[in-house]
């Protein structure tokens, strides 16, 4: 996404206003726009390949220790990965979706001193 410039990997991007907001800490904009890039520009485009490499390189397990808004994470990260998989058939995206769900399920337990999830 060359028009995004230095705003990647932020969650919300406003390129015309040159603003960014990183509140989910998972590069949500890249995840939830991957399917659109594949449809609009094709899977052979430089923009799609760049976004795909960012998504595949992100360590979802390492970022699971931060507090996460589960609804937004499910919608933008997991949904973005599954949407891109459904458009492209790239099984790496399905695997990343599984990793994302696993990190989502583990994160409340990882930050809790007990066997109960942290609320």
PDB file of N, CA and C in Angstrom:
ATOM      1  N   UNK A   1       0.820  -1.197   0.000  1.00  0.00           N
ATOM      2  CA  UNK A   1       0.000   0.000   0.000  1.00  0.00           C
ATOM      3  C   UNK A   1       0.861   1.256   0.000  1.00  0.00           C
ATOM      4  N   UNK A   2       1.382   1.623  -1.174  1.00  0.00           N
ATOM      5  CA  UNK A   2       2.314   2.743  -1.200  1.00  0.00           C
ATOM      6  C   UNK A   2       1.672   4.068  -0.837  1.00  0.00           C
ATOM      7  N   UNK A   3       0.369   4.248  -1.070  1.00  0.00           N
ATOM      8  CA  UNK A   3      -0.248   5.512  -0.702  1.00  0.00           C
ATOM      9  C   UNK A   3      -0.358   5.673   0.803  1.00  0.00           C
ATOM     10  N   UNK A   4      -0.206   4.582   1.557  1.00  0.00           N
ATOM     11  CA  UNK A   4      -0.301   4.664   3.006  1.00  0.00           C
ATOM     12  C   UNK A   4       1.002   5.133   3.640  1.00  0.00           C
ATOM     13  N   UNK A   5       2.091   4.992   2.924  1.00  0.00           N
ATOM     14  CA  UNK A   5       3.375   5.493   3.394  1.00  0.00           C
ATOM     15  C   UNK A   5       3.759   4.977   4.763  1.00  0.00           C
ATOM     16  N   UNK A   6       4.087   5.888   5.673  1.00  0.00           N
ATOM     17  CA  UNK A   6       4.574   5.510   6.996  1.00  0.00           C
ATOM     18  C   UNK A   6       3.454   5.122   7.950  1.00  0.00           C
ATOM     19  N   UNK A   7       2.214   5.144   7.503  1.00  0.00           N
ATOM     20  CA  UNK A   7       1.092   4.846   8.393  1.00  0.00           C
ATOM     21  C   UNK A   7       0.901   3.352   8.642  1.00  0.00           C
ATOM     22  N   UNK A   8       1.558   2.528   7.904  1.00  0.00           N
ATOM     23  CA  UNK A   8       1.467   1.088   8.118  1.00  0.00           C
ATOM     24  C   UNK A   8       2.500   0.725   9.165  1.00  0.00           C
ATOM     25  N   UNK A   9       2.188  -0.048  10.144  1.00  0.00           N
ATOM     26  CA  UNK A   9       1.037  -0.914  10.304  1.00  0.00           C
ATOM     27  C   UNK A   9      -0.005  -0.387  11.299  1.00  0.00           C
ATOM     28  N   UNK A  10      -0.490   0.781  11.157  1.00  0.00           N
ATOM     29  CA  UNK A  10      -1.501   1.310  12.070  1.00  0.00           C
ATOM     30  C   UNK A  10      -2.866   0.686  11.793  1.00  0.00           C
ATOM     31  N   UNK A  11      -3.756   0.806  12.763  1.00  0.00           N
ATOM     32  CA  UNK A  11      -5.074   0.201  12.636  1.00  0.00           C
ATOM     33  C   UNK A  11      -6.035   1.036  11.809  1.00  0.00           C
ATOM     34  N   UNK A  12      -6.081   2.316  12.034  1.00  0.00           N
ATOM     35  CA  UNK A  12      -6.943   3.208  11.262  1.00  0.00           C
ATOM     36  C   UNK A  12      -6.066   4.225  10.548  1.00  0.00           C
ATOM     37  N   UNK A  13      -6.354   4.420   9.268  1.00  0.00           N
ATOM     38  CA  UNK A  13      -5.517   5.285   8.442  1.00  0.00           C
ATOM     39  C   UNK A  13      -6.395   6.275   7.688  1.00  0.00           C
ATOM     40  N   UNK A  14      -5.986   7.549   7.707  1.00  0.00           N
ATOM     41  CA  UNK A  14      -6.629   8.600   6.919  1.00  0.00           C
ATOM     42  C   UNK A  14      -5.548   9.231   6.053  1.00  0.00           C
ATOM     43  N   UNK A  15      -5.277   8.648   4.873  1.00  0.00           N
ATOM     44  CA  UNK A  15      -4.148   9.122   4.077  1.00  0.00           C
ATOM     45  C   UNK A  15      -4.282  10.556   3.592  1.00  0.00           C
ATOM     46  N   UNK A  16      -5.492  10.999   3.285  1.00  0.00           N
ATOM     47  CA  UNK A  16      -5.644  12.368   2.803  1.00  0.00           C
ATOM     48  C   UNK A  16      -5.354  13.386   3.899  1.00  0.00           C
ATOM     49  N   UNK A  17      -5.721  13.062   5.127  1.00  0.00           N
ATOM     50  CA  UNK A  17      -5.454  13.960   6.249  1.00  0.00           C
ATOM     51  C   UNK A  17      -4.089  13.692   6.866  1.00  0.00           C
ATOM     52  N   UNK A  18      -3.407  12.659   6.360  1.00  0.00           N
ATOM     53  CA  UNK A  18      -2.100  12.270   6.872  1.00  0.00           C
ATOM     54  C   UNK A  18      -2.159  11.940   8.361  1.00  0.00           C
ATOM     55  N   UNK A  19      -3.211  11.195   8.744  1.00  0.00           N
ATOM     56  CA  UNK A  19      -3.400  10.816  10.142  1.00  0.00           C
ATOM     57  C   UNK A  19      -3.451   9.299  10.274  1.00  0.00           C
ATOM     58  N   UNK A  20      -3.123   8.845  11.456  1.00  0.00           N
ATOM     59  CA  UNK A  20      -3.173   7.426  11.768  1.00  0.00           C
ATOM     60  C   UNK A  20      -3.595   7.263  13.216  1.00  0.00           C
ATOM     61  N   UNK A  21      -4.159   6.114  13.518  1.00  0.00           N
ATOM     62  CA  UNK A  21      -4.538   5.811  14.895  1.00  0.00           C
ATOM     63  C   UNK A  21      -4.297   4.330  15.118  1.00  0.00           C
ATOM     64  N   UNK A  22      -3.492   4.001  16.094  1.00  0.00           N
ATOM     65  CA  UNK A  22      -3.143   2.617  16.372  1.00  0.00           C
ATOM     66  C   UNK A  22      -3.688   2.240  17.744  1.00  0.00           C
ATOM     67  N   UNK A  23      -4.840   1.653  17.782  1.00  0.00           N
ATOM     68  CA  UNK A  23      -5.498   1.318  19.041  1.00  0.00           C
ATOM     69  C   UNK A  23      -5.706  -0.178  19.217  1.00  0.00           C
ATOM     70  N   UNK A  24      -5.672  -0.934  18.130  1.00  0.00           N
ATOM     71  CA  UNK A  24      -5.843  -2.382  18.224  1.00  0.00           C
ATOM     72  C   UNK A  24      -4.483  -3.078  18.210  1.00  0.00           C
ATOM     73  N   UNK A  25      -3.467  -2.409  17.701  1.00  0.00           N
ATOM     74  CA  UNK A  25      -2.076  -2.886  17.645  1.00  0.00           C
ATOM     75  C   UNK A  25      -1.913  -4.177  16.835  1.00  0.00           C
ATOM     76  N   UNK A  26      -2.681  -4.308  15.758  1.00  0.00           N
ATOM     77  CA  UNK A  26      -2.590  -5.499  14.928  1.00  0.00           C
ATOM     78  C   UNK A  26      -2.617  -5.178  13.434  1.00  0.00           C
ATOM     79  N   UNK A  27      -2.370  -3.930  13.045  1.00  0.00           N
ATOM     80  CA  UNK A  27      -2.389  -3.544  11.626  1.00  0.00           C
ATOM     81  C   UNK A  27      -3.727  -3.896  10.984  1.00  0.00           C
ATOM     82  N   UNK A  28      -4.804  -3.486  11.623  1.00  0.00           N
ATOM     83  CA  UNK A  28      -6.150  -3.861  11.191  1.00  0.00           C
ATOM     84  C   UNK A  28      -6.475  -3.400   9.776  1.00  0.00           C
ATOM     85  N   UNK A  29      -6.025  -2.234   9.388  1.00  0.00           N
ATOM     86  CA  UNK A  29      -6.327  -1.739   8.043  1.00  0.00           C
ATOM     87  C   UNK A  29      -5.781  -2.670   6.969  1.00  0.00           C
ATOM     88  N   UNK A  30      -4.585  -3.178   7.165  1.00  0.00           N
ATOM     89  CA  UNK A  30      -3.996  -4.087   6.181  1.00  0.00           C
ATOM     90  C   UNK A  30      -4.792  -5.389   6.131  1.00  0.00           C
ATOM     91  N   UNK A  31      -5.157  -5.918   7.297  1.00  0.00           N
ATOM     92  CA  UNK A  31      -5.905  -7.176   7.340  1.00  0.00           C
ATOM     93  C   UNK A  31      -7.274  -7.045   6.678  1.00  0.00           C
ATOM     94  N   UNK A  32      -8.008  -6.000   7.031  1.00  0.00           N
ATOM     95  CA  UNK A  32      -9.382  -5.938   6.517  1.00  0.00           C
ATOM     96  C   UNK A  32      -9.484  -5.355   5.111  1.00  0.00           C
ATOM     97  N   UNK A  33      -8.363  -4.964   4.529  1.00  0.00           N
ATOM     98  CA  UNK A  33      -8.404  -4.493   3.140  1.00  0.00           C
ATOM     99  C   UNK A  33      -7.746  -5.475   2.169  1.00  0.00           C
ATOM    100  N   UNK A  34      -7.238  -6.571   2.679  1.00  0.00           N
ATOM    101  CA  UNK A  34      -6.524  -7.529   1.837  1.00  0.00           C
ATOM    102  C   UNK A  34      -7.421  -8.117   0.752  1.00  0.00           C
ATOM    103  N   UNK A  35      -8.656  -8.459   1.092  1.00  0.00           N
ATOM    104  CA  UNK A  35      -9.558  -9.024   0.077  1.00  0.00           C
ATOM    105  C   UNK A  35      -9.910  -7.991  -0.987  1.00  0.00           C
ATOM    106  N   UNK A  36     -10.078  -6.742  -0.581  1.00  0.00           N
ATOM    107  CA  UNK A  36     -10.385  -5.675  -1.533  1.00  0.00           C
ATOM    108  C   UNK A  36      -9.211  -5.444  -2.483  1.00  0.00           C
ATOM    109  N   UNK A  37      -8.006  -5.476  -1.949  1.00  0.00           N
ATOM    110  CA  UNK A  37      -6.823  -5.340  -2.804  1.00  0.00           C
ATOM    111  C   UNK A  37      -6.757  -6.472  -3.825  1.00  0.00           C
ATOM    112  N   UNK A  38      -7.068  -7.688  -3.387  1.00  0.00           N
ATOM    113  CA  UNK A  38      -7.026  -8.835  -4.297  1.00  0.00           C
ATOM    114  C   UNK A  38      -8.065  -8.696  -5.403  1.00  0.00           C
ATOM    115  N   UNK A  39      -9.263  -8.215  -5.064  1.00  0.00           N
ATOM    116  CA  UNK A  39     -10.326  -8.068  -6.059  1.00  0.00           C
ATOM    117  C   UNK A  39     -10.043  -6.891  -6.991  1.00  0.00           C
ATOM    118  N   UNK A  40      -9.686  -5.755  -6.407  1.00  0.00           N
ATOM    119  CA  UNK A  40      -9.541  -4.528  -7.189  1.00  0.00           C
ATOM    120  C   UNK A  40      -8.261  -4.499  -8.028  1.00  0.00           C
ATOM    121  N   UNK A  41      -7.154  -4.956  -7.458  1.00  0.00           N
ATOM    122  CA  UNK A  41      -5.869  -4.830  -8.135  1.00  0.00           C
ATOM    123  C   UNK A  41      -5.292  -6.156  -8.600  1.00  0.00           C
ATOM    124  N   UNK A  42      -5.803  -7.250  -8.062  1.00  0.00           N
ATOM    125  CA  UNK A  42      -5.310  -8.579  -8.433  1.00  0.00           C
ATOM    126  C   UNK A  42      -4.223  -9.060  -7.493  1.00  0.00           C
ATOM    127  N   UNK A  43      -4.107 -10.362  -7.402  1.00  0.00           N
ATOM    128  CA  UNK A  43      -3.134 -10.950  -6.478  1.00  0.00           C
ATOM    129  C   UNK A  43      -1.693 -10.834  -6.968  1.00  0.00           C
ATOM    130  N   UNK A  44      -1.509 -10.412  -8.194  1.00  0.00           N
ATOM    131  CA  UNK A  44      -0.155 -10.219  -8.720  1.00  0.00           C
ATOM    132  C   UNK A  44       0.319  -8.770  -8.598  1.00  0.00           C
ATOM    133  N   UNK A  45      -0.542  -7.892  -8.080  1.00  0.00           N
ATOM    134  CA  UNK A  45      -0.166  -6.478  -7.955  1.00  0.00           C
ATOM    135  C   UNK A  45       0.848  -6.286  -6.833  1.00  0.00           C
ATOM    136  N   UNK A  46       1.675  -5.272  -6.975  1.00  0.00           N
ATOM    137  CA  UNK A  46       2.674  -4.968  -5.945  1.00  0.00           C
ATOM    138  C   UNK A  46       2.005  -4.615  -4.626  1.00  0.00           C
ATOM    139  N   UNK A  47       0.886  -3.888  -4.689  1.00  0.00           N
ATOM    140  CA  UNK A  47       0.181  -3.476  -3.467  1.00  0.00           C
ATOM    141  C   UNK A  47      -0.334  -4.689  -2.692  1.00  0.00           C
ATOM    142  N   UNK A  48      -0.932  -5.628  -3.408  1.00  0.00           N
ATOM    143  CA  UNK A  48      -1.443  -6.837  -2.737  1.00  0.00           C
ATOM    144  C   UNK A  48      -0.284  -7.638  -2.150  1.00  0.00           C
ATOM    145  N   UNK A  49       0.775  -7.828  -2.925  1.00  0.00           N
ATOM    146  CA  UNK A  49       1.913  -8.610  -2.448  1.00  0.00           C
ATOM    147  C   UNK A  49       2.547  -7.974  -1.216  1.00  0.00           C
ATOM    148  N   UNK A  50       2.638  -6.638  -1.203  1.00  0.00           N
ATOM    149  CA  UNK A  50       3.213  -5.937  -0.053  1.00  0.00           C
ATOM    150  C   UNK A  50       2.329  -6.123   1.183  1.00  0.00           C
ATOM    151  N   UNK A  51       1.020  -5.970   1.010  1.00  0.00           N
ATOM    152  CA  UNK A  51       0.096  -6.145   2.130  1.00  0.00           C
ATOM    153  C   UNK A  51       0.120  -7.591   2.623  1.00  0.00           C
ATOM    154  N   UNK A  52       0.137  -8.539   1.709  1.00  0.00           N
ATOM    155  CA  UNK A  52       0.178  -9.950   2.084  1.00  0.00           C
ATOM    156  C   UNK A  52       1.432 -10.272   2.884  1.00  0.00           C
ATOM    157  N   UNK A  53       2.565  -9.750   2.460  1.00  0.00           N
ATOM    158  CA  UNK A  53       3.809 -10.020   3.191  1.00  0.00           C
ATOM    159  C   UNK A  53       3.757  -9.430   4.594  1.00  0.00           C
ATOM    160  N   UNK A  54       3.122  -8.266   4.759  1.00  0.00           N
ATOM    161  CA  UNK A  54       2.957  -7.681   6.098  1.00  0.00           C
ATOM    162  C   UNK A  54       2.097  -8.576   6.975  1.00  0.00           C
ATOM    163  N   UNK A  55       1.003  -9.059   6.419  1.00  0.00           N
ATOM    164  CA  UNK A  55       0.074  -9.902   7.171  1.00  0.00           C
ATOM    165  C   UNK A  55       0.742 -11.215   7.567  1.00  0.00           C
ATOM    166  N   UNK A  56       1.459 -11.829   6.643  1.00  0.00           N
ATOM    167  CA  UNK A  56       2.093 -13.112   6.933  1.00  0.00           C
ATOM    168  C   UNK A  56       3.277 -12.980   7.886  1.00  0.00           C
ATOM    169  N   UNK A  57       3.899 -11.821   7.929  1.00  0.00           N
ATOM    170  CA  UNK A  57       5.062 -11.614   8.796  1.00  0.00           C
ATOM    171  C   UNK A  57       4.683 -11.249  10.228  1.00  0.00           C
ATOM    172  N   UNK A  58       3.466 -10.801  10.449  1.00  0.00           N
ATOM    173  CA  UNK A  58       3.068 -10.354  11.785  1.00  0.00           C
ATOM    174  C   UNK A  58       2.977 -11.526  12.748  1.00  0.00           C
ATOM    175  N   UNK A  59       3.549 -11.356  13.931  1.00  0.00           N
ATOM    176  CA  UNK A  59       3.507 -12.381  14.964  1.00  0.00           C
ATOM    177  C   UNK A  59       2.274 -12.153  15.827  1.00  0.00           C
ATOM    178  N   UNK A  60       1.212 -12.865  15.533  1.00  0.00           N
ATOM    179  CA  UNK A  60      -0.038 -12.683  16.261  1.00  0.00           C
ATOM    180  C   UNK A  60       0.066 -13.148  17.703  1.00  0.00           C
ATOM    181  N   UNK A  61       0.887 -14.130  17.967  1.00  0.00           N
ATOM    182  CA  UNK A  61       1.030 -14.617  19.342  1.00  0.00           C
ATOM    183  C   UNK A  61       1.721 -13.577  20.220  1.00  0.00           C
ATOM    184  N   UNK A  62       2.725 -12.889  19.690  1.00  0.00           N
ATOM    185  CA  UNK A  62       3.438 -11.884  20.484  1.00  0.00           C
ATOM    186  C   UNK A  62       2.537 -10.705  20.808  1.00  0.00           C
ATOM    187  N   UNK A  63       1.669 -10.350  19.883  1.00  0.00           N
ATOM    188  CA  UNK A  63       0.812  -9.194  20.121  1.00  0.00           C
ATOM    189  C   UNK A  63      -0.411  -9.544  20.954  1.00  0.00           C
ATOM    190  N   UNK A  64      -0.616 -10.828  21.270  1.00  0.00           N
ATOM    191  CA  UNK A  64      -1.799 -11.219  22.026  1.00  0.00           C
ATOM    192  C   UNK A  64      -1.707 -10.835  23.496  1.00  0.00           C
ATOM    193  N   UNK A  65      -0.531 -10.423  23.963  1.00  0.00           N
ATOM    194  CA  UNK A  65      -0.391 -10.050  25.364  1.00  0.00           C
ATOM    195  C   UNK A  65      -0.928  -8.651  25.658  1.00  0.00           C
ATOM    196  N   UNK A  66      -1.206  -7.882  24.645  1.00  0.00           N
ATOM    197  CA  UNK A  66      -1.808  -6.559  24.838  1.00  0.00           C
ATOM    198  C   UNK A  66      -3.313  -6.710  25.030  1.00  0.00           C
ATOM    199  N   UNK A  67      -3.924  -5.766  25.742  1.00  0.00           N
ATOM    200  CA  UNK A  67      -5.388  -5.799  25.830  1.00  0.00           C
ATOM    201  C   UNK A  67      -5.983  -5.649  24.436  1.00  0.00           C
ATOM    202  N   UNK A  68      -6.986  -6.452  24.118  1.00  0.00           N
ATOM    203  CA  UNK A  68      -7.562  -6.471  22.780  1.00  0.00           C
ATOM    204  C   UNK A  68      -9.072  -6.338  22.856  1.00  0.00           C
ATOM    205  N   UNK A  69      -9.629  -5.539  21.980  1.00  0.00           N
ATOM    206  CA  UNK A  69     -11.078  -5.436  21.854  1.00  0.00           C
ATOM    207  C   UNK A  69     -11.512  -6.608  20.979  1.00  0.00           C
ATOM    208  N   UNK A  70     -12.094  -7.618  21.598  1.00  0.00           N
ATOM    209  CA  UNK A  70     -12.333  -8.876  20.901  1.00  0.00           C
ATOM    210  C   UNK A  70     -13.295  -8.736  19.727  1.00  0.00           C
ATOM    211  N   UNK A  71     -14.312  -7.882  19.832  1.00  0.00           N
ATOM    212  CA  UNK A  71     -15.242  -7.715  18.714  1.00  0.00           C
ATOM    213  C   UNK A  71     -14.512  -7.149  17.504  1.00  0.00           C
ATOM    214  N   UNK A  72     -13.765  -6.074  17.697  1.00  0.00           N
ATOM    215  CA  UNK A  72     -13.031  -5.449  16.600  1.00  0.00           C
ATOM    216  C   UNK A  72     -11.968  -6.392  16.045  1.00  0.00           C
ATOM    217  N   UNK A  73     -11.287  -7.090  16.924  1.00  0.00           N
ATOM    218  CA  UNK A  73     -10.256  -8.040  16.493  1.00  0.00           C
ATOM    219  C   UNK A  73     -10.888  -9.135  15.640  1.00  0.00           C
ATOM    220  N   UNK A  74     -12.005  -9.681  16.104  1.00  0.00           N
ATOM    221  CA  UNK A  74     -12.684 -10.740  15.356  1.00  0.00           C
ATOM    222  C   UNK A  74     -13.142 -10.244  13.998  1.00  0.00           C
ATOM    223  N   UNK A  75     -13.705  -9.059  13.977  1.00  0.00           N
ATOM    224  CA  UNK A  75     -14.244  -8.503  12.744  1.00  0.00           C
ATOM    225  C   UNK A  75     -13.144  -8.126  11.755  1.00  0.00           C
ATOM    226  N   UNK A  76     -12.162  -7.372  12.213  1.00  0.00           N
ATOM    227  CA  UNK A  76     -11.171  -6.819  11.295  1.00  0.00           C
ATOM    228  C   UNK A  76     -10.013  -7.753  11.010  1.00  0.00           C
ATOM    229  N   UNK A  77      -9.509  -8.451  12.007  1.00  0.00           N
ATOM    230  CA  UNK A  77      -8.353  -9.323  11.791  1.00  0.00           C
ATOM    231  C   UNK A  77      -8.801 -10.691  11.272  1.00  0.00           C
ATOM    232  N   UNK A  78      -9.621 -11.378  12.057  1.00  0.00           N
ATOM    233  CA  UNK A  78     -10.068 -12.715  11.648  1.00  0.00           C
ATOM    234  C   UNK A  78     -10.934 -12.627  10.389  1.00  0.00           C
ATOM    235  N   UNK A  79     -11.883 -11.693  10.381  1.00  0.00           N
ATOM    236  CA  UNK A  79     -12.747 -11.531   9.210  1.00  0.00           C
ATOM    237  C   UNK A  79     -11.974 -11.131   7.971  1.00  0.00           C
ATOM    238  N   UNK A  80     -10.984 -10.259   8.139  1.00  0.00           N
ATOM    239  CA  UNK A  80     -10.160  -9.852   7.002  1.00  0.00           C
ATOM    240  C   UNK A  80      -9.368 -11.012   6.424  1.00  0.00           C
ATOM    241  N   UNK A  81      -8.810 -11.830   7.304  1.00  0.00           N
ATOM    242  CA  UNK A  81      -8.053 -12.992   6.849  1.00  0.00           C
ATOM    243  C   UNK A  81      -8.951 -14.008   6.155  1.00  0.00           C
ATOM    244  N   UNK A  82     -10.128 -14.268   6.725  1.00  0.00           N
ATOM    245  CA  UNK A  82     -11.048 -15.232   6.110  1.00  0.00           C
ATOM    246  C   UNK A  82     -11.615 -14.699   4.796  1.00  0.00           C
ATOM    247  N   UNK A  83     -11.890 -13.395   4.745  1.00  0.00           N
ATOM    248  CA  UNK A  83     -12.365 -12.795   3.498  1.00  0.00           C
ATOM    249  C   UNK A  83     -11.327 -12.896   2.397  1.00  0.00           C
ATOM    250  N   UNK A  84     -10.075 -12.616   2.743  1.00  0.00           N
ATOM    251  CA  UNK A  84      -8.998 -12.712   1.759  1.00  0.00           C
ATOM    252  C   UNK A  84      -8.788 -14.163   1.325  1.00  0.00           C
ATOM    253  N   UNK A  85      -8.911 -15.096   2.264  1.00  0.00           N
ATOM    254  CA  UNK A  85      -8.798 -16.513   1.904  1.00  0.00           C
ATOM    255  C   UNK A  85      -9.916 -16.912   0.947  1.00  0.00           C
ATOM    256  N   UNK A  86     -11.139 -16.445   1.212  1.00  0.00           N
ATOM    257  CA  UNK A  86     -12.263 -16.834   0.360  1.00  0.00           C
ATOM    258  C   UNK A  86     -12.130 -16.277  -1.055  1.00  0.00           C
ATOM    259  N   UNK A  87     -11.454 -15.148  -1.196  1.00  0.00           N
ATOM    260  CA  UNK A  87     -11.262 -14.534  -2.511  1.00  0.00           C
ATOM    261  C   UNK A  87     -10.080 -15.153  -3.256  1.00  0.00           C
ATOM    262  N   UNK A  88      -9.003 -15.443  -2.517  1.00  0.00           N
ATOM    263  CA  UNK A  88      -7.770 -15.889  -3.176  1.00  0.00           C
ATOM    264  C   UNK A  88      -7.538 -17.394  -3.117  1.00  0.00           C
ATOM    265  N   UNK A  89      -8.070 -18.056  -2.099  1.00  0.00           N
ATOM    266  CA  UNK A  89      -7.809 -19.476  -1.910  1.00  0.00           C
ATOM    267  C   UNK A  89      -6.426 -19.761  -1.343  1.00  0.00           C
ATOM    268  N   UNK A  90      -5.733 -18.736  -0.891  1.00  0.00           N
ATOM    269  CA  UNK A  90      -4.389 -18.876  -0.336  1.00  0.00           C
ATOM    270  C   UNK A  90      -4.494 -19.484   1.069  1.00  0.00           C
ATOM    271  N   UNK A  91      -4.065 -20.726   1.224  1.00  0.00           N
ATOM    272  CA  UNK A  91      -4.221 -21.432   2.497  1.00  0.00           C
ATOM    273  C   UNK A  91      -3.382 -20.815   3.621  1.00  0.00           C
ATOM    274  N   UNK A  92      -2.385 -20.029   3.273  1.00  0.00           N
ATOM    275  CA  UNK A  92      -1.603 -19.338   4.311  1.00  0.00           C
ATOM    276  C   UNK A  92      -2.490 -18.366   5.075  1.00  0.00           C
ATOM    277  N   UNK A  93      -3.456 -17.777   4.393  1.00  0.00           N
ATOM    278  CA  UNK A  93      -4.376 -16.851   5.057  1.00  0.00           C
ATOM    279  C   UNK A  93      -5.317 -17.592   6.001  1.00  0.00           C
ATOM    280  N   UNK A  94      -5.749 -18.773   5.614  1.00  0.00           N
ATOM    281  CA  UNK A  94      -6.576 -19.595   6.494  1.00  0.00           C
ATOM    282  C   UNK A  94      -5.786 -20.000   7.738  1.00  0.00           C
ATOM    283  N   UNK A  95      -4.540 -20.350   7.550  1.00  0.00           N
ATOM    284  CA  UNK A  95      -3.673 -20.693   8.682  1.00  0.00           C
ATOM    285  C   UNK A  95      -3.482 -19.500   9.610  1.00  0.00           C
ATOM    286  N   UNK A  96      -3.303 -18.303   9.029  1.00  0.00           N
ATOM    287  CA  UNK A  96      -3.162 -17.088   9.845  1.00  0.00           C
ATOM    288  C   UNK A  96      -4.452 -16.787  10.601  1.00  0.00           C
ATOM    289  N   UNK A  97      -5.601 -17.056   9.987  1.00  0.00           N
ATOM    290  CA  UNK A  97      -6.884 -16.860  10.670  1.00  0.00           C
ATOM    291  C   UNK A  97      -6.979 -17.784  11.877  1.00  0.00           C
ATOM    292  N   UNK A  98      -6.533 -19.021  11.715  1.00  0.00           N
ATOM    293  CA  UNK A  98      -6.526 -19.956  12.839  1.00  0.00           C
ATOM    294  C   UNK A  98      -5.592 -19.452  13.939  1.00  0.00           C
ATOM    295  N   UNK A  99      -4.414 -18.969  13.564  1.00  0.00           N
ATOM    296  CA  UNK A  99      -3.479 -18.400  14.546  1.00  0.00           C
ATOM    297  C   UNK A  99      -4.103 -17.214  15.274  1.00  0.00           C
ATOM    298  N   UNK A 100      -4.817 -16.381  14.520  1.00  0.00           N
ATOM    299  CA  UNK A 100      -5.448 -15.205  15.113  1.00  0.00           C
ATOM    300  C   UNK A 100      -6.514 -15.606  16.124  1.00  0.00           C
ATOM    301  N   UNK A 101      -7.322 -16.602  15.786  1.00  0.00           N
ATOM    302  CA  UNK A 101      -8.354 -17.079  16.708  1.00  0.00           C
ATOM    303  C   UNK A 101      -7.712 -17.721  17.932  1.00  0.00           C
ATOM    304  N   UNK A 102      -6.664 -18.499  17.715  1.00  0.00           N
ATOM    305  CA  UNK A 102      -5.964 -19.112  18.846  1.00  0.00           C
ATOM    306  C   UNK A 102      -5.407 -18.048  19.787  1.00  0.00           C
ATOM    307  N   UNK A 103      -4.813 -16.996  19.244  1.00  0.00           N
ATOM    308  CA  UNK A 103      -4.262 -15.941  20.102  1.00  0.00           C
ATOM    309  C   UNK A 103      -5.375 -15.191  20.819  1.00  0.00           C
ATOM    310  N   UNK A 104      -6.511 -15.049  20.171  1.00  0.00           N
ATOM    311  CA  UNK A 104      -7.654 -14.393  20.801  1.00  0.00           C
ATOM    312  C   UNK A 104      -8.177 -15.225  21.963  1.00  0.00           C
ATOM    313  N   UNK A 105      -8.227 -16.527  21.788  1.00  0.00           N
ATOM    314  CA  UNK A 105      -8.710 -17.407  22.853  1.00  0.00           C
ATOM    315  C   UNK A 105      -7.715 -17.525  23.998  1.00  0.00           C
ATOM    316  N   UNK A 106      -6.427 -17.418  23.704  1.00  0.00           N
ATOM    317  CA  UNK A 106      -5.403 -17.552  24.735  1.00  0.00           C
ATOM    318  C   UNK A 106      -5.168 -16.268  25.512  1.00  0.00           C
ATOM    319  N   UNK A 107      -5.390 -15.117  24.905  1.00  0.00           N
ATOM    320  CA  UNK A 107      -4.985 -13.856  25.528  1.00  0.00           C
ATOM    321  C   UNK A 107      -5.644 -13.566  26.869  1.00  0.00           C
ATOM    322  N   UNK A 108      -6.934 -13.850  27.094  1.00  0.00           N
ATOM    323  CA  UNK A 108      -7.478 -13.562  28.430  1.00  0.00           C
ATOM    324  C   UNK A 108      -6.844 -14.426  29.510  1.00  0.00           C
ATOM    325  N   UNK A 109      -6.398 -15.624  29.121  1.00  0.00           N
ATOM    326  CA  UNK A 109      -5.805 -16.523  30.088  1.00  0.00           C
ATOM    327  C   UNK A 109      -4.336 -16.195  30.333  1.00  0.00           C
ATOM    328  N   UNK A 110      -3.658 -15.710  29.303  1.00  0.00           N
ATOM    329  CA  UNK A 110      -2.231 -15.379  29.428  1.00  0.00           C
ATOM    330  C   UNK A 110      -2.007 -14.218  30.376  1.00  0.00           C
ATOM    331  N   UNK A 111      -2.957 -13.299  30.452  1.00  0.00           N
ATOM    332  CA  UNK A 111      -2.770 -12.118  31.293  1.00  0.00           C
ATOM    333  C   UNK A 111      -3.408 -12.277  32.669  1.00  0.00           C
ATOM    334  N   UNK A 112      -3.916 -13.462  32.978  1.00  0.00           N
ATOM    335  CA  UNK A 112      -4.576 -13.689  34.252  1.00  0.00           C
ATOM    336  C   UNK A 112      -3.688 -14.518  35.169  1.00  0.00           C
ATOM    337  N   UNK A 113      -3.607 -14.147  36.434  1.00  0.00           N
ATOM    338  CA  UNK A 113      -2.810 -14.943  37.378  1.00  0.00           C
ATOM    339  C   UNK A 113      -3.510 -16.235  37.803  1.00  0.00           C
ATOM    340  N   UNK A 114      -4.773 -16.425  37.418  1.00  0.00           N
ATOM    341  CA  UNK A 114      -5.512 -17.619  37.774  1.00  0.00           C
ATOM    342  C   UNK A 114      -5.868 -18.392  36.512  1.00  0.00           C
ATOM    343  N   UNK A 115      -6.616 -19.468  36.659  1.00  0.00           N
ATOM    344  CA  UNK A 115      -7.067 -20.232  35.497  1.00  0.00           C
ATOM    345  C   UNK A 115      -8.292 -19.578  34.854  1.00  0.00           C
ATOM    346  N   UNK A 116      -8.831 -18.533  35.466  1.00  0.00           N
ATOM    347  CA  UNK A 116      -9.993 -17.838  34.936  1.00  0.00           C
ATOM    348  C   UNK A 116      -9.563 -16.695  34.024  1.00  0.00           C
ATOM    349  N   UNK A 117     -10.334 -16.404  32.991  1.00  0.00           N
ATOM    350  CA  UNK A 117      -9.953 -15.279  32.120  1.00  0.00           C
ATOM    351  C   UNK A 117     -10.034 -13.948  32.855  1.00  0.00           C
ATOM    352  N   UNK A 118      -9.182 -13.051  32.457  1.00  0.00           N
ATOM    353  CA  UNK A 118      -9.179 -11.701  33.027  1.00  0.00           C
ATOM    354  C   UNK A 118     -10.276 -10.895  32.362  1.00  0.00           C
ATOM    355  N   UNK A 119     -11.094 -10.259  33.114  1.00  0.00           N
ATOM    356  CA  UNK A 119     -12.209  -9.475  32.573  1.00  0.00           C
ATOM    357  C   UNK A 119     -11.936  -7.996  32.670  1.00  0.00           C
TER     358      UNK A 119
END
